[in-house]
């Protein structure tokens, strides 16, 4: 007769333990993202496009003037929209509106306030952010996972010791997945907009921005066998 193997929930001689290990770390952010939106509007299409191109080039040049702080620069949405007159039977264009958005990823937070201030000082330029974050391969994620595993082992050992037993073997360790992670507070966001006509005579003082610490969470399920308890 073939041995059916151990029962799903263990045996009196080999009881099984199922525990969860969790870890929550508070760490400093590694990157900050800002969104820069440049706009232009005019009754003449050629003029509106020329203004948008000029302002866009000014914003990009300013961002790229911080090469040591800039990790990535990406262009997102671009729109050129004709605005029709409210009255009249014919499709008469009243004005043209253009808009382009860039996302800049920065690593040097000491210059972040200065850059956002200078960008917001440009004509028809809006700045949103910053959004603080960690890189996907940040060591903080590994540290949280490692701590969660250690916590699971410690919890299982305490259960076994409470029964005058000891852990015997690890049967399974499973990541719970992203859907079971603890909720993280939404990143702080600020918006700055400059819609003036002529450039300011004096530069505005640099904003003082404090990085928002990030919450890193990890959770695992672990199953062990232990020696026969002394009941």
Protein backbone atom coordinates (compact mmCIF):
# COMPACT_ATOMS: atom_id res chain seq x y z
CA UNK A 1 0.00 0.00 0.00
CA UNK A 2 1.35 3.38 -1.02
CA UNK A 3 2.07 5.82 1.78
CA UNK A 4 -0.37 8.76 1.34
CA UNK A 5 2.13 11.13 2.93
CA UNK A 6 1.48 13.61 5.69
CA UNK A 7 -1.97 14.99 6.17
CA UNK A 8 -2.66 18.51 4.86
CA UNK A 9 -2.70 19.96 8.35
CA UNK A 10 0.11 17.93 9.85
CA UNK A 11 0.08 15.04 12.27
CA UNK A 12 0.31 14.76 16.04
CA UNK A 13 3.99 13.94 15.65
CA UNK A 14 4.62 16.65 13.04
CA UNK A 15 2.29 19.58 13.70
CA UNK A 16 2.25 22.44 11.23
CA UNK A 17 2.43 26.14 11.96
CA UNK A 18 1.10 28.86 9.65
CA UNK A 19 2.10 32.43 10.43
CA UNK A 20 2.34 35.81 8.77
CA UNK A 21 5.35 38.07 8.89
CA UNK A 22 5.03 41.80 8.30
CA UNK A 23 7.39 44.77 8.16
CA UNK A 24 6.86 48.50 7.72
CA UNK A 25 9.80 50.83 7.15
CA UNK A 26 9.94 54.63 6.97
CA UNK A 27 12.71 55.76 4.61
CA UNK A 28 13.81 58.90 2.82
CA UNK A 29 12.70 59.27 -0.82
CA UNK A 30 15.21 58.70 -3.60
CA UNK A 31 13.59 60.67 -6.41
CA UNK A 32 11.09 63.49 -6.93
CA UNK A 33 8.94 64.09 -10.00
CA UNK A 34 7.51 67.38 -11.17
CA UNK A 35 5.14 68.03 -14.08
CA UNK A 36 5.77 71.18 -16.11
CA UNK A 37 2.97 72.40 -18.39
CA UNK A 38 3.62 75.20 -20.89
CA UNK A 39 0.70 76.97 -22.55
CA UNK A 40 0.08 79.55 -25.28
CA UNK A 41 -3.03 81.21 -26.67
CA UNK A 42 -3.58 83.60 -29.56
CA UNK A 43 -6.04 84.62 -32.23
CA UNK A 44 -3.54 83.71 -34.92
CA UNK A 45 -2.54 80.05 -35.27
CA UNK A 46 1.00 80.75 -36.40
CA UNK A 47 1.60 83.15 -33.53
CA UNK A 48 0.16 80.75 -30.96
CA UNK A 49 2.39 77.93 -32.21
CA UNK A 50 5.43 80.19 -32.23
CA UNK A 51 4.74 81.30 -28.64
CA UNK A 52 4.26 77.70 -27.51
CA UNK A 53 7.49 76.62 -29.19
CA UNK A 54 9.44 79.48 -27.64
CA UNK A 55 8.08 78.97 -24.13
CA UNK A 56 8.55 75.23 -24.38
CA UNK A 57 12.19 75.71 -25.35
CA UNK A 58 12.71 78.09 -22.43
CA UNK A 59 11.30 75.55 -19.96
CA UNK A 60 13.33 72.65 -21.37
CA UNK A 61 16.52 74.69 -21.40
CA UNK A 62 15.99 75.66 -17.77
CA UNK A 63 15.33 72.06 -16.68
CA UNK A 64 18.38 70.77 -18.56
CA UNK A 65 20.54 73.42 -16.90
CA UNK A 66 20.47 71.19 -13.80
CA UNK A 67 22.22 68.10 -15.25
CA UNK A 68 23.48 66.85 -11.88
CA UNK A 69 19.95 66.81 -10.45
CA UNK A 70 18.06 65.62 -13.54
CA UNK A 71 17.71 61.86 -13.92
CA UNK A 72 15.01 61.71 -16.59
CA UNK A 73 12.99 64.14 -18.72
CA UNK A 74 9.92 62.92 -20.62
CA UNK A 75 7.30 64.67 -22.75
CA UNK A 76 3.71 63.66 -22.12
CA UNK A 77 0.55 65.25 -23.47
CA UNK A 78 0.60 67.76 -26.33
CA UNK A 79 -2.48 69.56 -27.62
CA UNK A 80 -3.22 72.29 -30.15
CA UNK A 81 -6.89 73.23 -29.96
CA UNK A 82 -8.89 75.77 -32.00
CA UNK A 83 -11.57 77.59 -30.02
CA UNK A 84 -14.78 78.35 -31.92
CA UNK A 85 -16.84 81.48 -31.43
CA UNK A 86 -19.94 81.02 -29.27
CA UNK A 87 -22.29 82.73 -31.70
CA UNK A 88 -22.87 82.48 -35.40
CA UNK A 89 -23.85 79.76 -37.81
CA UNK A 90 -20.40 79.27 -39.28
CA UNK A 91 -17.41 77.54 -37.72
CA UNK A 92 -15.42 80.64 -36.99
CA UNK A 93 -12.23 80.14 -34.98
CA UNK A 94 -11.91 82.66 -32.18
CA UNK A 95 -8.49 81.62 -30.88
CA UNK A 96 -5.93 78.83 -30.78
CA UNK A 97 -4.77 77.23 -27.53
CA UNK A 98 -1.64 75.09 -27.21
CA UNK A 99 -0.34 73.07 -24.29
CA UNK A 100 2.56 70.66 -23.72
CA UNK A 101 3.50 68.80 -20.53
CA UNK A 102 6.85 67.40 -19.45
CA UNK A 103 7.73 65.23 -16.47
CA UNK A 104 11.13 65.67 -14.86
CA UNK A 105 12.61 63.12 -12.45
CA UNK A 106 15.11 64.67 -10.05
CA UNK A 107 17.55 63.18 -7.56
CA UNK A 108 19.08 66.29 -5.97
CA UNK A 109 16.50 67.74 -3.60
CA UNK A 110 18.70 70.69 -2.63
CA UNK A 111 18.06 72.35 -6.00
CA UNK A 112 14.44 71.23 -6.35
CA UNK A 113 12.98 74.34 -4.70
CA UNK A 114 15.10 76.64 -6.84
CA UNK A 115 14.15 74.87 -10.07
CA UNK A 116 10.40 74.84 -9.36
CA UNK A 117 10.48 78.53 -8.46
CA UNK A 118 12.31 79.48 -11.65
CA UNK A 119 9.96 77.37 -13.77
CA UNK A 120 6.86 78.89 -12.17
CA UNK A 121 8.31 82.33 -12.94
CA UNK A 122 8.13 81.65 -16.69
CA UNK A 123 5.19 82.95 -18.74
CA UNK A 124 2.13 80.65 -18.87
CA UNK A 125 4.01 77.82 -17.21
CA UNK A 126 2.50 75.58 -14.57
CA UNK A 127 4.42 73.30 -12.21
CA UNK A 128 2.77 70.40 -10.35
CA UNK A 129 4.42 68.31 -7.66
CA UNK A 130 6.68 67.21 -6.29
CA UNK A 131 5.78 63.55 -6.08
CA UNK A 132 8.30 61.80 -3.84
CA UNK A 133 9.12 58.17 -4.53
CA UNK A 134 11.59 55.30 -4.32
CA UNK A 135 13.16 53.56 -7.29
CA UNK A 136 11.68 50.11 -8.10
CA UNK A 137 15.03 48.49 -7.24
CA UNK A 138 15.52 50.47 -4.03
CA UNK A 139 17.34 48.55 -1.26
CA UNK A 140 14.49 49.57 1.03
CA UNK A 141 12.17 47.03 -0.63
CA UNK A 142 14.62 44.20 0.00
CA UNK A 143 15.14 45.33 3.58
CA UNK A 144 11.38 45.24 4.21
CA UNK A 145 11.00 41.77 2.70
CA UNK A 146 13.94 40.45 4.71
CA UNK A 147 12.52 41.89 7.91
CA UNK A 148 9.10 40.34 7.17
CA UNK A 149 10.65 36.89 6.77
CA UNK A 150 12.61 37.25 10.02
CA UNK A 151 9.43 38.33 11.78
CA UNK A 152 7.57 35.25 10.47
CA UNK A 153 10.32 32.92 11.71
CA UNK A 154 10.40 34.60 15.11
CA UNK A 155 6.63 34.40 15.48
CA UNK A 156 6.58 30.71 14.54
CA UNK A 157 9.42 29.99 16.97
CA UNK A 158 7.51 31.69 19.79
CA UNK A 159 4.41 29.58 19.07
CA UNK A 160 6.48 26.40 19.13
CA UNK A 161 8.27 27.36 22.35
CA UNK A 162 4.91 28.07 23.99
CA UNK A 163 4.17 24.35 23.50
CA UNK A 164 7.61 23.20 24.67
CA UNK A 165 8.49 22.34 21.09
CA UNK A 166 10.83 23.72 18.45
CA UNK A 167 10.67 24.44 14.76
CA UNK A 168 11.67 21.52 12.58
CA UNK A 169 11.44 22.58 8.91
CA UNK A 170 10.18 25.31 6.61
CA UNK A 171 7.46 24.05 4.27
CA UNK A 172 6.43 27.18 2.38
CA UNK A 173 6.93 30.91 2.23
CA UNK A 174 4.60 32.97 0.05
CA UNK A 175 4.45 36.62 -0.95
CA UNK A 176 0.97 37.95 -0.37
CA UNK A 177 1.08 40.19 -3.45
CA UNK A 178 0.42 43.87 -4.00
CA UNK A 179 -3.34 43.63 -3.41
CA UNK A 180 -2.77 42.92 0.27
CA UNK A 181 -0.22 45.58 1.02
CA UNK A 182 -0.93 48.29 3.52
CA UNK A 183 -2.27 51.54 2.09
CA UNK A 184 0.29 54.30 1.74
CA UNK A 185 -0.62 57.92 2.24
CA UNK A 186 -0.91 59.91 -0.97
CA UNK A 187 2.23 61.89 -1.78
CA UNK A 188 2.18 65.56 -0.99
CA UNK A 189 1.61 67.70 -4.06
CA UNK A 190 1.93 71.40 -4.69
CA UNK A 191 1.10 73.45 -7.75
CA UNK A 192 2.81 76.61 -8.88
CA UNK A 193 1.71 78.63 -11.87
CA UNK A 194 3.10 81.67 -13.60
CA UNK A 195 0.69 83.46 -15.90
CA UNK A 196 2.18 86.91 -16.01
CA UNK A 197 2.92 88.84 -19.16
CA UNK A 198 6.32 90.49 -18.81
CA UNK A 199 9.11 88.66 -16.95
CA UNK A 200 9.56 89.53 -13.29
CA UNK A 201 12.23 92.11 -12.58
CA UNK A 202 13.61 90.09 -9.66
CA UNK A 203 13.77 86.34 -9.25
CA UNK A 204 11.46 84.92 -6.60
CA UNK A 205 13.18 83.29 -3.61
CA UNK A 206 13.65 79.53 -3.88
CA UNK A 207 10.94 77.44 -2.25
CA UNK A 208 11.92 75.39 0.79
CA UNK A 209 10.65 71.86 0.08
CA UNK A 210 10.95 69.10 2.66
CA UNK A 211 11.10 65.54 1.24
CA UNK A 212 8.24 63.31 2.36
CA UNK A 213 9.40 60.05 3.93
CA UNK A 214 8.16 56.93 2.17
CA UNK A 215 6.41 53.93 3.71
CA UNK A 216 7.66 50.54 2.53
CA UNK A 217 5.53 47.52 3.48
CA UNK A 218 6.16 43.79 3.05
CA UNK A 219 4.13 40.77 4.16
CA UNK A 220 4.65 37.01 3.77
CA UNK A 221 2.84 33.83 4.75
CA UNK A 222 5.05 31.05 6.08
CA UNK A 223 4.36 27.43 7.04
CA UNK A 224 6.59 25.30 9.23
CA UNK A 225 6.61 21.91 10.90
CA UNK A 226 7.58 21.61 14.53
CA UNK A 227 8.47 18.80 16.90
CA UNK A 228 5.80 17.05 18.94
CA UNK A 229 4.57 19.44 21.64
CA UNK A 230 4.55 18.53 25.32
CA UNK A 231 0.88 18.93 26.24
